[in-house]
Amino acid sequence: MSYSVTGVFGDAERGFSTNRFEELIEQVERLSDQEHTNASVTHESEWSLAVFRNGKVVLENLEEGEPLHMESLSRERVLELMVAVAEGRIDEVRALPGWKAGYVWSS
């Protein structure tokens, strides 16, 4: 299975090790602003997890829409979700309690 990551400034990369996902979270925390709000992990199935400041995440299928979001997640939980999406465990991620319909925006 394959996945890609996109950094805060839109730089996309394949082959980005899951061991480096914490770097993406740090990038969001340090560098995000009103224009550049998140980093993301996108699985080859088109499921994507966007990571925002303060533990906010959005999960959506880029082809089908219908986003889901969670807020106030710990850094460890965000990291777990990123790895799960990269590994293609989408059903497992979607089954977690706490998802709310729609987007959540950065702040």
PDB file of N, CA and C in Angstrom:
ATOM      1  N   MET A   1       0.842  -1.181   0.000  1.00  0.00           N
ATOM      2  CA  MET A   1       0.000   0.000   0.000  1.00  0.00           C
ATOM      3  C   MET A   1       0.884   1.239   0.000  1.00  0.00           C
ATOM      4  N   SER A   2       0.322   2.280  -0.507  1.00  0.00           N
ATOM      5  CA  SER A   2       1.074   3.498  -0.686  1.00  0.00           C
ATOM      6  C   SER A   2       0.338   4.682  -0.070  1.00  0.00           C
ATOM      7  N   TYR A   3       1.109   5.666   0.351  1.00  0.00           N
ATOM      8  CA  TYR A   3       0.535   6.894   0.880  1.00  0.00           C
ATOM      9  C   TYR A   3       1.494   8.030   0.573  1.00  0.00           C
ATOM     10  N   SER A   4       0.991   9.238   0.714  1.00  0.00           N
ATOM     11  CA  SER A   4       1.831  10.417   0.569  1.00  0.00           C
ATOM     12  C   SER A   4       1.524  11.367   1.722  1.00  0.00           C
ATOM     13  N   VAL A   5       2.426  12.276   1.955  1.00  0.00           N
ATOM     14  CA  VAL A   5       2.211  13.316   2.954  1.00  0.00           C
ATOM     15  C   VAL A   5       2.328  14.670   2.271  1.00  0.00           C
ATOM     16  N   THR A   6       1.633  15.633   2.815  1.00  0.00           N
ATOM     17  CA  THR A   6       1.720  17.001   2.337  1.00  0.00           C
ATOM     18  C   THR A   6       1.996  17.890   3.538  1.00  0.00           C
ATOM     19  N   GLY A   7       3.057  18.668   3.461  1.00  0.00           N
ATOM     20  CA  GLY A   7       3.434  19.559   4.552  1.00  0.00           C
ATOM     21  C   GLY A   7       2.617  20.833   4.562  1.00  0.00           C
ATOM     22  N   VAL A   8       2.852  21.656   5.538  1.00  0.00           N
ATOM     23  CA  VAL A   8       2.111  22.906   5.733  1.00  0.00           C
ATOM     24  C   VAL A   8       2.158  23.793   4.494  1.00  0.00           C
ATOM     25  N   PHE A   9       3.271  23.816   3.787  1.00  0.00           N
ATOM     26  CA  PHE A   9       3.399  24.693   2.624  1.00  0.00           C
ATOM     27  C   PHE A   9       3.103  23.994   1.305  1.00  0.00           C
ATOM     28  N   GLY A  10       2.455  22.829   1.372  1.00  0.00           N
ATOM     29  CA  GLY A  10       2.011  22.146   0.168  1.00  0.00           C
ATOM     30  C   GLY A  10       3.020  21.217  -0.464  1.00  0.00           C
ATOM     31  N   ASP A  11       4.140  21.017   0.187  1.00  0.00           N
ATOM     32  CA  ASP A  11       5.162  20.131  -0.356  1.00  0.00           C
ATOM     33  C   ASP A  11       4.745  18.677  -0.140  1.00  0.00           C
ATOM     34  N   ALA A  12       4.513  17.959  -1.243  1.00  0.00           N
ATOM     35  CA  ALA A  12       4.062  16.564  -1.182  1.00  0.00           C
ATOM     36  C   ALA A  12       5.253  15.632  -1.304  1.00  0.00           C
ATOM     37  N   GLU A  13       5.158  14.507  -0.589  1.00  0.00           N
ATOM     38  CA  GLU A  13       6.266  13.557  -0.616  1.00  0.00           C
ATOM     39  C   GLU A  13       5.736  12.139  -0.438  1.00  0.00           C
ATOM     40  N   ARG A  14       6.224  11.240  -1.255  1.00  0.00           N
ATOM     41  CA  ARG A  14       5.968   9.801  -1.090  1.00  0.00           C
ATOM     42  C   ARG A  14       7.190   9.195  -0.416  1.00  0.00           C
ATOM     43  N   GLY A  15       7.015   8.053   0.211  1.00  0.00           N
ATOM     44  CA  GLY A  15       8.139   7.394   0.852  1.00  0.00           C
ATOM     45  C   GLY A  15       8.562   8.055   2.147  1.00  0.00           C
ATOM     46  N   PHE A  16       7.732   8.912   2.676  1.00  0.00           N
ATOM     47  CA  PHE A  16       7.978   9.604   3.941  1.00  0.00           C
ATOM     48  C   PHE A  16       7.710   8.609   5.057  1.00  0.00           C
ATOM     49  N   SER A  17       8.695   8.251   5.822  1.00  0.00           N
ATOM     50  CA  SER A  17       8.556   7.226   6.856  1.00  0.00           C
ATOM     51  C   SER A  17       7.551   7.628   7.933  1.00  0.00           C
ATOM     52  N   THR A  18       6.757   6.662   8.374  1.00  0.00           N
ATOM     53  CA  THR A  18       5.826   6.936   9.472  1.00  0.00           C
ATOM     54  C   THR A  18       6.581   7.348  10.737  1.00  0.00           C
ATOM     55  N   ASN A  19       7.848   6.979  10.835  1.00  0.00           N
ATOM     56  CA  ASN A  19       8.669   7.398  11.973  1.00  0.00           C
ATOM     57  C   ASN A  19       8.884   8.909  12.000  1.00  0.00           C
ATOM     58  N   ARG A  20       8.620   9.564  10.883  1.00  0.00           N
ATOM     59  CA  ARG A  20       8.807  11.022  10.786  1.00  0.00           C
ATOM     60  C   ARG A  20       7.497  11.798  10.891  1.00  0.00           C
ATOM     61  N   PHE A  21       6.388  11.110  11.147  1.00  0.00           N
ATOM     62  CA  PHE A  21       5.109  11.811  11.207  1.00  0.00           C
ATOM     63  C   PHE A  21       5.069  12.872  12.302  1.00  0.00           C
ATOM     64  N   GLU A  22       5.804  12.645  13.374  1.00  0.00           N
ATOM     65  CA  GLU A  22       5.842  13.651  14.431  1.00  0.00           C
ATOM     66  C   GLU A  22       6.411  14.974  13.911  1.00  0.00           C
ATOM     67  N   GLU A  23       7.307  14.908  12.938  1.00  0.00           N
ATOM     68  CA  GLU A  23       7.834  16.122  12.308  1.00  0.00           C
ATOM     69  C   GLU A  23       6.718  16.932  11.654  1.00  0.00           C
ATOM     70  N   LEU A  24       5.761  16.238  11.042  1.00  0.00           N
ATOM     71  CA  LEU A  24       4.632  16.949  10.423  1.00  0.00           C
ATOM     72  C   LEU A  24       3.783  17.648  11.470  1.00  0.00           C
ATOM     73  N   ILE A  25       3.554  16.972  12.584  1.00  0.00           N
ATOM     74  CA  ILE A  25       2.779  17.596  13.662  1.00  0.00           C
ATOM     75  C   ILE A  25       3.510  18.833  14.182  1.00  0.00           C
ATOM     76  N   GLU A  26       4.805  18.718  14.377  1.00  0.00           N
ATOM     77  CA  GLU A  26       5.607  19.860  14.830  1.00  0.00           C
ATOM     78  C   GLU A  26       5.568  21.000  13.813  1.00  0.00           C
ATOM     79  N   GLN A  27       5.610  20.652  12.535  1.00  0.00           N
ATOM     80  CA  GLN A  27       5.547  21.667  11.484  1.00  0.00           C
ATOM     81  C   GLN A  27       4.236  22.448  11.569  1.00  0.00           C
ATOM     82  N   VAL A  28       3.149  21.735  11.778  1.00  0.00           N
ATOM     83  CA  VAL A  28       1.840  22.401  11.917  1.00  0.00           C
ATOM     84  C   VAL A  28       1.847  23.319  13.135  1.00  0.00           C
ATOM     85  N   GLU A  29       2.362  22.830  14.236  1.00  0.00           N
ATOM     86  CA  GLU A  29       2.376  23.624  15.469  1.00  0.00           C
ATOM     87  C   GLU A  29       3.242  24.871  15.342  1.00  0.00           C
ATOM     88  N   ARG A  30       4.370  24.770  14.651  1.00  0.00           N
ATOM     89  CA  ARG A  30       5.310  25.883  14.543  1.00  0.00           C
ATOM     90  C   ARG A  30       5.013  26.834  13.399  1.00  0.00           C
ATOM     91  N   LEU A  31       4.548  26.302  12.263  1.00  0.00           N
ATOM     92  CA  LEU A  31       4.531  27.103  11.041  1.00  0.00           C
ATOM     93  C   LEU A  31       3.163  27.427  10.470  1.00  0.00           C
ATOM     94  N   SER A  32       2.112  26.791  10.955  1.00  0.00           N
ATOM     95  CA  SER A  32       0.812  27.057  10.341  1.00  0.00           C
ATOM     96  C   SER A  32       0.362  28.489  10.638  1.00  0.00           C
ATOM     97  N   ASP A  33      -0.345  29.047   9.667  1.00  0.00           N
ATOM     98  CA  ASP A  33      -0.901  30.393   9.797  1.00  0.00           C
ATOM     99  C   ASP A  33      -2.260  30.404   9.114  1.00  0.00           C
ATOM    100  N   GLN A  34      -2.825  31.578   8.872  1.00  0.00           N
ATOM    101  CA  GLN A  34      -4.165  31.643   8.284  1.00  0.00           C
ATOM    102  C   GLN A  34      -4.227  31.064   6.879  1.00  0.00           C
ATOM    103  N   GLU A  35      -3.139  31.130   6.145  1.00  0.00           N
ATOM    104  CA  GLU A  35      -3.123  30.617   4.780  1.00  0.00           C
ATOM    105  C   GLU A  35      -2.685  29.156   4.708  1.00  0.00           C
ATOM    106  N   HIS A  36      -1.757  28.785   5.533  1.00  0.00           N
ATOM    107  CA  HIS A  36      -1.187  27.428   5.536  1.00  0.00           C
ATOM    108  C   HIS A  36      -1.586  26.786   6.862  1.00  0.00           C
ATOM    109  N   THR A  37      -2.656  25.996   6.834  1.00  0.00           N
ATOM    110  CA  THR A  37      -3.297  25.591   8.084  1.00  0.00           C
ATOM    111  C   THR A  37      -3.024  24.178   8.549  1.00  0.00           C
ATOM    112  N   ASN A  38      -2.556  23.301   7.662  1.00  0.00           N
ATOM    113  CA  ASN A  38      -2.472  21.902   8.059  1.00  0.00           C
ATOM    114  C   ASN A  38      -1.435  21.133   7.248  1.00  0.00           C
ATOM    115  N   ALA A  39      -1.161  19.933   7.736  1.00  0.00           N
ATOM    116  CA  ALA A  39      -0.397  18.920   7.008  1.00  0.00           C
ATOM    117  C   ALA A  39      -1.327  17.722   6.875  1.00  0.00           C
ATOM    118  N   SER A  40      -1.026  16.821   5.943  1.00  0.00           N
ATOM    119  CA  SER A  40      -1.942  15.692   5.768  1.00  0.00           C
ATOM    120  C   SER A  40      -1.210  14.427   5.343  1.00  0.00           C
ATOM    121  N   VAL A  41      -1.895  13.320   5.600  1.00  0.00           N
ATOM    122  CA  VAL A  41      -1.472  11.995   5.152  1.00  0.00           C
ATOM    123  C   VAL A  41      -2.603  11.474   4.276  1.00  0.00           C
ATOM    124  N   THR A  42      -2.277  11.059   3.050  1.00  0.00           N
ATOM    125  CA  THR A  42      -3.292  10.569   2.122  1.00  0.00           C
ATOM    126  C   THR A  42      -2.921   9.168   1.665  1.00  0.00           C
ATOM    127  N   HIS A  43      -3.817   8.229   1.943  1.00  0.00           N
ATOM    128  CA  HIS A  43      -3.634   6.842   1.533  1.00  0.00           C
ATOM    129  C   HIS A  43      -3.988   6.716   0.056  1.00  0.00           C
ATOM    130  N   GLU A  44      -3.473   5.690  -0.614  1.00  0.00           N
ATOM    131  CA  GLU A  44      -3.758   5.487  -2.041  1.00  0.00           C
ATOM    132  C   GLU A  44      -5.246   5.307  -2.333  1.00  0.00           C
ATOM    133  N   SER A  45      -6.038   4.975  -1.330  1.00  0.00           N
ATOM    134  CA  SER A  45      -7.489   4.830  -1.488  1.00  0.00           C
ATOM    135  C   SER A  45      -8.198   6.181  -1.521  1.00  0.00           C
ATOM    136  N   GLU A  46      -7.427   7.267  -1.432  1.00  0.00           N
ATOM    137  CA  GLU A  46      -7.913   8.646  -1.423  1.00  0.00           C
ATOM    138  C   GLU A  46      -8.479   9.089  -0.077  1.00  0.00           C
ATOM    139  N   TRP A  47      -8.321   8.270   0.961  1.00  0.00           N
ATOM    140  CA  TRP A  47      -8.682   8.718   2.312  1.00  0.00           C
ATOM    141  C   TRP A  47      -7.535   9.560   2.834  1.00  0.00           C
ATOM    142  N   SER A  48      -7.873  10.705   3.394  1.00  0.00           N
ATOM    143  CA  SER A  48      -6.875  11.658   3.844  1.00  0.00           C
ATOM    144  C   SER A  48      -7.184  12.110   5.266  1.00  0.00           C
ATOM    145  N   LEU A  49      -6.144  12.271   6.054  1.00  0.00           N
ATOM    146  CA  LEU A  49      -6.264  12.823   7.394  1.00  0.00           C
ATOM    147  C   LEU A  49      -5.477  14.119   7.418  1.00  0.00           C
ATOM    148  N   ALA A  50      -6.189  15.232   7.590  1.00  0.00           N
ATOM    149  CA  ALA A  50      -5.550  16.540   7.708  1.00  0.00           C
ATOM    150  C   ALA A  50      -5.375  16.847   9.190  1.00  0.00           C
ATOM    151  N   VAL A  51      -4.196  17.327   9.547  1.00  0.00           N
ATOM    152  CA  VAL A  51      -3.845  17.614  10.931  1.00  0.00           C
ATOM    153  C   VAL A  51      -3.700  19.117  11.086  1.00  0.00           C
ATOM    154  N   PHE A  52      -4.445  19.680  12.033  1.00  0.00           N
ATOM    155  CA  PHE A  52      -4.424  21.109  12.319  1.00  0.00           C
ATOM    156  C   PHE A  52      -3.821  21.343  13.702  1.00  0.00           C
ATOM    157  N   ARG A  53      -3.701  22.583  14.094  1.00  0.00           N
ATOM    158  CA  ARG A  53      -3.204  22.929  15.431  1.00  0.00           C
ATOM    159  C   ARG A  53      -4.133  22.397  16.508  1.00  0.00           C
ATOM    160  N   ASN A  54      -3.582  22.295  17.698  1.00  0.00           N
ATOM    161  CA  ASN A  54      -4.355  21.983  18.901  1.00  0.00           C
ATOM    162  C   ASN A  54      -5.125  20.679  18.821  1.00  0.00           C
ATOM    163  N   GLY A  55      -4.584  19.695  18.119  1.00  0.00           N
ATOM    164  CA  GLY A  55      -5.203  18.385  18.106  1.00  0.00           C
ATOM    165  C   GLY A  55      -6.457  18.265  17.280  1.00  0.00           C
ATOM    166  N   LYS A  56      -6.610  19.104  16.285  1.00  0.00           N
ATOM    167  CA  LYS A  56      -7.767  19.024  15.391  1.00  0.00           C
ATOM    168  C   LYS A  56      -7.391  18.200  14.171  1.00  0.00           C
ATOM    169  N   VAL A  57      -8.296  17.321  13.744  1.00  0.00           N
ATOM    170  CA  VAL A  57      -8.067  16.514  12.550  1.00  0.00           C
ATOM    171  C   VAL A  57      -9.340  16.431  11.719  1.00  0.00           C
ATOM    172  N   VAL A  58      -9.158  16.271  10.413  1.00  0.00           N
ATOM    173  CA  VAL A  58     -10.270  16.052   9.491  1.00  0.00           C
ATOM    174  C   VAL A  58      -9.954  14.807   8.677  1.00  0.00           C
ATOM    175  N   LEU A  59     -10.905  13.888   8.634  1.00  0.00           N
ATOM    176  CA  LEU A  59     -10.791  12.665   7.844  1.00  0.00           C
ATOM    177  C   LEU A  59     -11.803  12.746   6.720  1.00  0.00           C
ATOM    178  N   GLU A  60     -11.345  12.532   5.488  1.00  0.00           N
ATOM    179  CA  GLU A  60     -12.294  12.514   4.378  1.00  0.00           C
ATOM    180  C   GLU A  60     -11.724  11.748   3.196  1.00  0.00           C
ATOM    181  N   ASN A  61     -12.645  11.248   2.386  1.00  0.00           N
ATOM    182  CA  ASN A  61     -12.269  10.645   1.130  1.00  0.00           C
ATOM    183  C   ASN A  61     -12.253  11.771   0.108  1.00  0.00           C
ATOM    184  N   LEU A  62     -11.122  12.024  -0.505  1.00  0.00           N
ATOM    185  CA  LEU A  62     -10.971  13.162  -1.403  1.00  0.00           C
ATOM    186  C   LEU A  62     -11.816  13.047  -2.660  1.00  0.00           C
ATOM    187  N   GLU A  63     -12.250  11.839  -2.999  1.00  0.00           N
ATOM    188  CA  GLU A  63     -13.112  11.656  -4.168  1.00  0.00           C
ATOM    189  C   GLU A  63     -14.586  11.747  -3.812  1.00  0.00           C
ATOM    190  N   GLU A  64     -14.944  11.345  -2.599  1.00  0.00           N
ATOM    191  CA  GLU A  64     -16.350  11.254  -2.225  1.00  0.00           C
ATOM    192  C   GLU A  64     -16.821  12.338  -1.270  1.00  0.00           C
ATOM    193  N   GLY A  65     -15.905  13.029  -0.609  1.00  0.00           N
ATOM    194  CA  GLY A  65     -16.295  14.076   0.328  1.00  0.00           C
ATOM    195  C   GLY A  65     -16.797  13.534   1.649  1.00  0.00           C
ATOM    196  N   GLU A  66     -17.789  14.177   2.214  1.00  0.00           N
ATOM    197  CA  GLU A  66     -18.374  13.839   3.511  1.00  0.00           C
ATOM    198  C   GLU A  66     -17.320  13.782   4.614  1.00  0.00           C
ATOM    199  N   PRO A  67     -16.696  14.925   4.921  1.00  0.00           N
ATOM    200  CA  PRO A  67     -15.638  14.956   5.931  1.00  0.00           C
ATOM    201  C   PRO A  67     -16.170  14.712   7.343  1.00  0.00           C
ATOM    202  N   LEU A  68     -15.260  14.205   8.167  1.00  0.00           N
ATOM    203  CA  LEU A  68     -15.498  14.012   9.593  1.00  0.00           C
ATOM    204  C   LEU A  68     -14.375  14.721  10.330  1.00  0.00           C
ATOM    205  N   HIS A  69     -14.653  15.194  11.538  1.00  0.00           N
ATOM    206  CA  HIS A  69     -13.585  15.836  12.300  1.00  0.00           C
ATOM    207  C   HIS A  69     -13.640  15.474  13.775  1.00  0.00           C
ATOM    208  N   MET A  70     -12.495  15.646  14.421  1.00  0.00           N
ATOM    209  CA  MET A  70     -12.353  15.542  15.873  1.00  0.00           C
ATOM    210  C   MET A  70     -11.484  16.702  16.328  1.00  0.00           C
ATOM    211  N   GLU A  71     -11.672  17.086  17.585  1.00  0.00           N
ATOM    212  CA  GLU A  71     -10.890  18.177  18.153  1.00  0.00           C
ATOM    213  C   GLU A  71     -10.272  17.756  19.480  1.00  0.00           C
ATOM    214  N   SER A  72      -9.282  18.503  19.902  1.00  0.00           N
ATOM    215  CA  SER A  72      -8.646  18.350  21.213  1.00  0.00           C
ATOM    216  C   SER A  72      -8.033  16.971  21.438  1.00  0.00           C
ATOM    217  N   LEU A  73      -7.451  16.405  20.387  1.00  0.00           N
ATOM    218  CA  LEU A  73      -6.772  15.126  20.521  1.00  0.00           C
ATOM    219  C   LEU A  73      -5.348  15.351  21.013  1.00  0.00           C
ATOM    220  N   SER A  74      -4.837  14.398  21.749  1.00  0.00           N
ATOM    221  CA  SER A  74      -3.444  14.481  22.179  1.00  0.00           C
ATOM    222  C   SER A  74      -2.534  14.274  20.967  1.00  0.00           C
ATOM    223  N   ARG A  75      -1.323  14.716  21.097  1.00  0.00           N
ATOM    224  CA  ARG A  75      -0.330  14.528  20.031  1.00  0.00           C
ATOM    225  C   ARG A  75      -0.169  13.039  19.722  1.00  0.00           C
ATOM    226  N   GLU A  76      -0.163  12.214  20.766  1.00  0.00           N
ATOM    227  CA  GLU A  76      -0.010  10.775  20.587  1.00  0.00           C
ATOM    228  C   GLU A  76      -1.179  10.197  19.794  1.00  0.00           C
ATOM    229  N   ARG A  77      -2.382  10.666  20.084  1.00  0.00           N
ATOM    230  CA  ARG A  77      -3.569  10.164  19.378  1.00  0.00           C
ATOM    231  C   ARG A  77      -3.539  10.593  17.914  1.00  0.00           C
ATOM    232  N   VAL A  78      -3.159  11.837  17.657  1.00  0.00           N
ATOM    233  CA  VAL A  78      -3.037  12.319  16.273  1.00  0.00           C
ATOM    234  C   VAL A  78      -2.029  11.465  15.522  1.00  0.00           C
ATOM    235  N   LEU A  79      -0.909  11.188  16.143  1.00  0.00           N
ATOM    236  CA  LEU A  79       0.128  10.361  15.527  1.00  0.00           C
ATOM    237  C   LEU A  79      -0.411   8.964  15.214  1.00  0.00           C
ATOM    238  N   GLU A  80      -1.151   8.369  16.138  1.00  0.00           N
ATOM    239  CA  GLU A  80      -1.748   7.052  15.908  1.00  0.00           C
ATOM    240  C   GLU A  80      -2.694   7.074  14.705  1.00  0.00           C
ATOM    241  N   LEU A  81      -3.499   8.120  14.593  1.00  0.00           N
ATOM    242  CA  LEU A  81      -4.432   8.227  13.466  1.00  0.00           C
ATOM    243  C   LEU A  81      -3.683   8.386  12.148  1.00  0.00           C
ATOM    244  N   MET A  82      -2.620   9.165  12.150  1.00  0.00           N
ATOM    245  CA  MET A  82      -1.833   9.356  10.940  1.00  0.00           C
ATOM    246  C   MET A  82      -1.259   8.025  10.458  1.00  0.00           C
ATOM    247  N   VAL A  83      -0.696   7.257  11.373  1.00  0.00           N
ATOM    248  CA  VAL A  83      -0.110   5.964  11.018  1.00  0.00           C
ATOM    249  C   VAL A  83      -1.190   5.022  10.511  1.00  0.00           C
ATOM    250  N   ALA A  84      -2.343   4.998  11.177  1.00  0.00           N
ATOM    251  CA  ALA A  84      -3.433   4.109  10.763  1.00  0.00           C
ATOM    252  C   ALA A  84      -3.900   4.437   9.346  1.00  0.00           C
ATOM    253  N   VAL A  85      -4.031   5.717   9.016  1.00  0.00           N
ATOM    254  CA  VAL A  85      -4.437   6.101   7.661  1.00  0.00           C
ATOM    255  C   VAL A  85      -3.356   5.697   6.665  1.00  0.00           C
ATOM    256  N   ALA A  86      -2.111   5.948   6.978  1.00  0.00           N
ATOM    257  CA  ALA A  86      -1.014   5.574   6.079  1.00  0.00           C
ATOM    258  C   ALA A  86      -1.006   4.068   5.821  1.00  0.00           C
ATOM    259  N   GLU A  87      -1.351   3.286   6.832  1.00  0.00           N
ATOM    260  CA  GLU A  87      -1.362   1.827   6.700  1.00  0.00           C
ATOM    261  C   GLU A  87      -2.654   1.302   6.078  1.00  0.00           C
ATOM    262  N   GLY A  88      -3.595   2.195   5.783  1.00  0.00           N
ATOM    263  CA  GLY A  88      -4.828   1.779   5.131  1.00  0.00           C
ATOM    264  C   GLY A  88      -5.886   1.228   6.069  1.00  0.00           C
ATOM    265  N   ARG A  89      -5.749   1.476   7.356  1.00  0.00           N
ATOM    266  CA  ARG A  89      -6.727   0.979   8.327  1.00  0.00           C
ATOM    267  C   ARG A  89      -7.880   1.980   8.471  1.00  0.00           C
ATOM    268  N   ILE A  90      -8.473   2.326   7.357  1.00  0.00           N
ATOM    269  CA  ILE A  90      -9.491   3.370   7.303  1.00  0.00           C
ATOM    270  C   ILE A  90     -10.753   2.975   8.069  1.00  0.00           C
ATOM    271  N   ASP A  91     -11.221   1.758   7.893  1.00  0.00           N
ATOM    272  CA  ASP A  91     -12.430   1.326   8.610  1.00  0.00           C
ATOM    273  C   ASP A  91     -12.232   1.417  10.114  1.00  0.00           C
ATOM    274  N   GLU A  92     -11.062   1.058  10.569  1.00  0.00           N
ATOM    275  CA  GLU A  92     -10.738   1.145  12.000  1.00  0.00           C
ATOM    276  C   GLU A  92     -10.792   2.599  12.473  1.00  0.00           C
ATOM    277  N   VAL A  93     -10.226   3.502  11.689  1.00  0.00           N
ATOM    278  CA  VAL A  93     -10.219   4.923  12.045  1.00  0.00           C
ATOM    279  C   VAL A  93     -11.641   5.478  12.028  1.00  0.00           C
ATOM    280  N   ARG A  94     -12.403   5.163  11.011  1.00  0.00           N
ATOM    281  CA  ARG A  94     -13.777   5.678  10.894  1.00  0.00           C
ATOM    282  C   ARG A  94     -14.678   5.155  12.007  1.00  0.00           C
ATOM    283  N   ALA A  95     -14.375   3.971  12.543  1.00  0.00           N
ATOM    284  CA  ALA A  95     -15.196   3.358  13.578  1.00  0.00           C
ATOM    285  C   ALA A  95     -14.951   3.958  14.971  1.00  0.00           C
ATOM    286  N   LEU A  96     -13.930   4.775  15.116  1.00  0.00           N
ATOM    287  CA  LEU A  96     -13.632   5.344  16.424  1.00  0.00           C
ATOM    288  C   LEU A  96     -14.741   6.290  16.876  1.00  0.00           C
ATOM    289  N   PRO A  97     -15.050   6.278  18.171  1.00  0.00           N
ATOM    290  CA  PRO A  97     -16.054   7.219  18.676  1.00  0.00           C
ATOM    291  C   PRO A  97     -15.501   8.640  18.667  1.00  0.00           C
ATOM    292  N   GLY A  98     -16.364   9.600  18.553  1.00  0.00           N
ATOM    293  CA  GLY A  98     -15.965  11.000  18.649  1.00  0.00           C
ATOM    294  C   GLY A  98     -15.956  11.775  17.346  1.00  0.00           C
ATOM    295  N   TRP A  99     -16.136  11.095  16.213  1.00  0.00           N
ATOM    296  CA  TRP A  99     -16.166  11.814  14.940  1.00  0.00           C
ATOM    297  C   TRP A  99     -17.440  12.640  14.846  1.00  0.00           C
ATOM    298  N   LYS A 100     -17.306  13.848  14.323  1.00  0.00           N
ATOM    299  CA  LYS A 100     -18.440  14.733  14.068  1.00  0.00           C
ATOM    300  C   LYS A 100     -18.440  15.048  12.576  1.00  0.00           C
ATOM    301  N   ALA A 101     -19.614  15.236  12.019  1.00  0.00           N
ATOM    302  CA  ALA A 101     -19.732  15.537  10.589  1.00  0.00           C
ATOM    303  C   ALA A 101     -19.184  16.922  10.281  1.00  0.00           C
ATOM    304  N   GLY A 102     -18.621  17.060   9.092  1.00  0.00           N
ATOM    305  CA  GLY A 102     -18.171  18.348   8.596  1.00  0.00           C
ATOM    306  C   GLY A 102     -16.708  18.630   8.892  1.00  0.00           C
ATOM    307  N   TYR A 103     -16.320  19.839   8.534  1.00  0.00           N
ATOM    308  CA  TYR A 103     -14.937  20.289   8.712  1.00  0.00           C
ATOM    309  C   TYR A 103     -14.765  20.999  10.051  1.00  0.00           C
ATOM    310  N   VAL A 104     -13.538  21.105  10.494  1.00  0.00           N
ATOM    311  CA  VAL A 104     -13.151  21.953  11.607  1.00  0.00           C
ATOM    312  C   VAL A 104     -12.009  22.811  11.069  1.00  0.00           C
ATOM    313  N   TRP A 105     -12.025  24.070  11.375  1.00  0.00           N
ATOM    314  CA  TRP A 105     -11.000  24.956  10.824  1.00  0.00           C
ATOM    315  C   TRP A 105      -9.971  25.287  11.871  1.00  0.00           C
ATOM    316  N   SER A 106      -8.779  25.623  11.423  1.00  0.00           N
ATOM    317  CA  SER A 106      -7.652  25.877  12.324  1.00  0.00           C
ATOM    318  C   SER A 106      -7.856  27.150  13.120  1.00  0.00           C
ATOM    319  N   SER A 107      -7.168  27.198  14.237  1.00  0.00           N
ATOM    320  CA  SER A 107      -7.093  28.426  15.061  1.00  0.00           C
ATOM    321  C   SER A 107      -5.997  28.253  16.079  1.00  0.00           C
TER     322      SER A 107
END
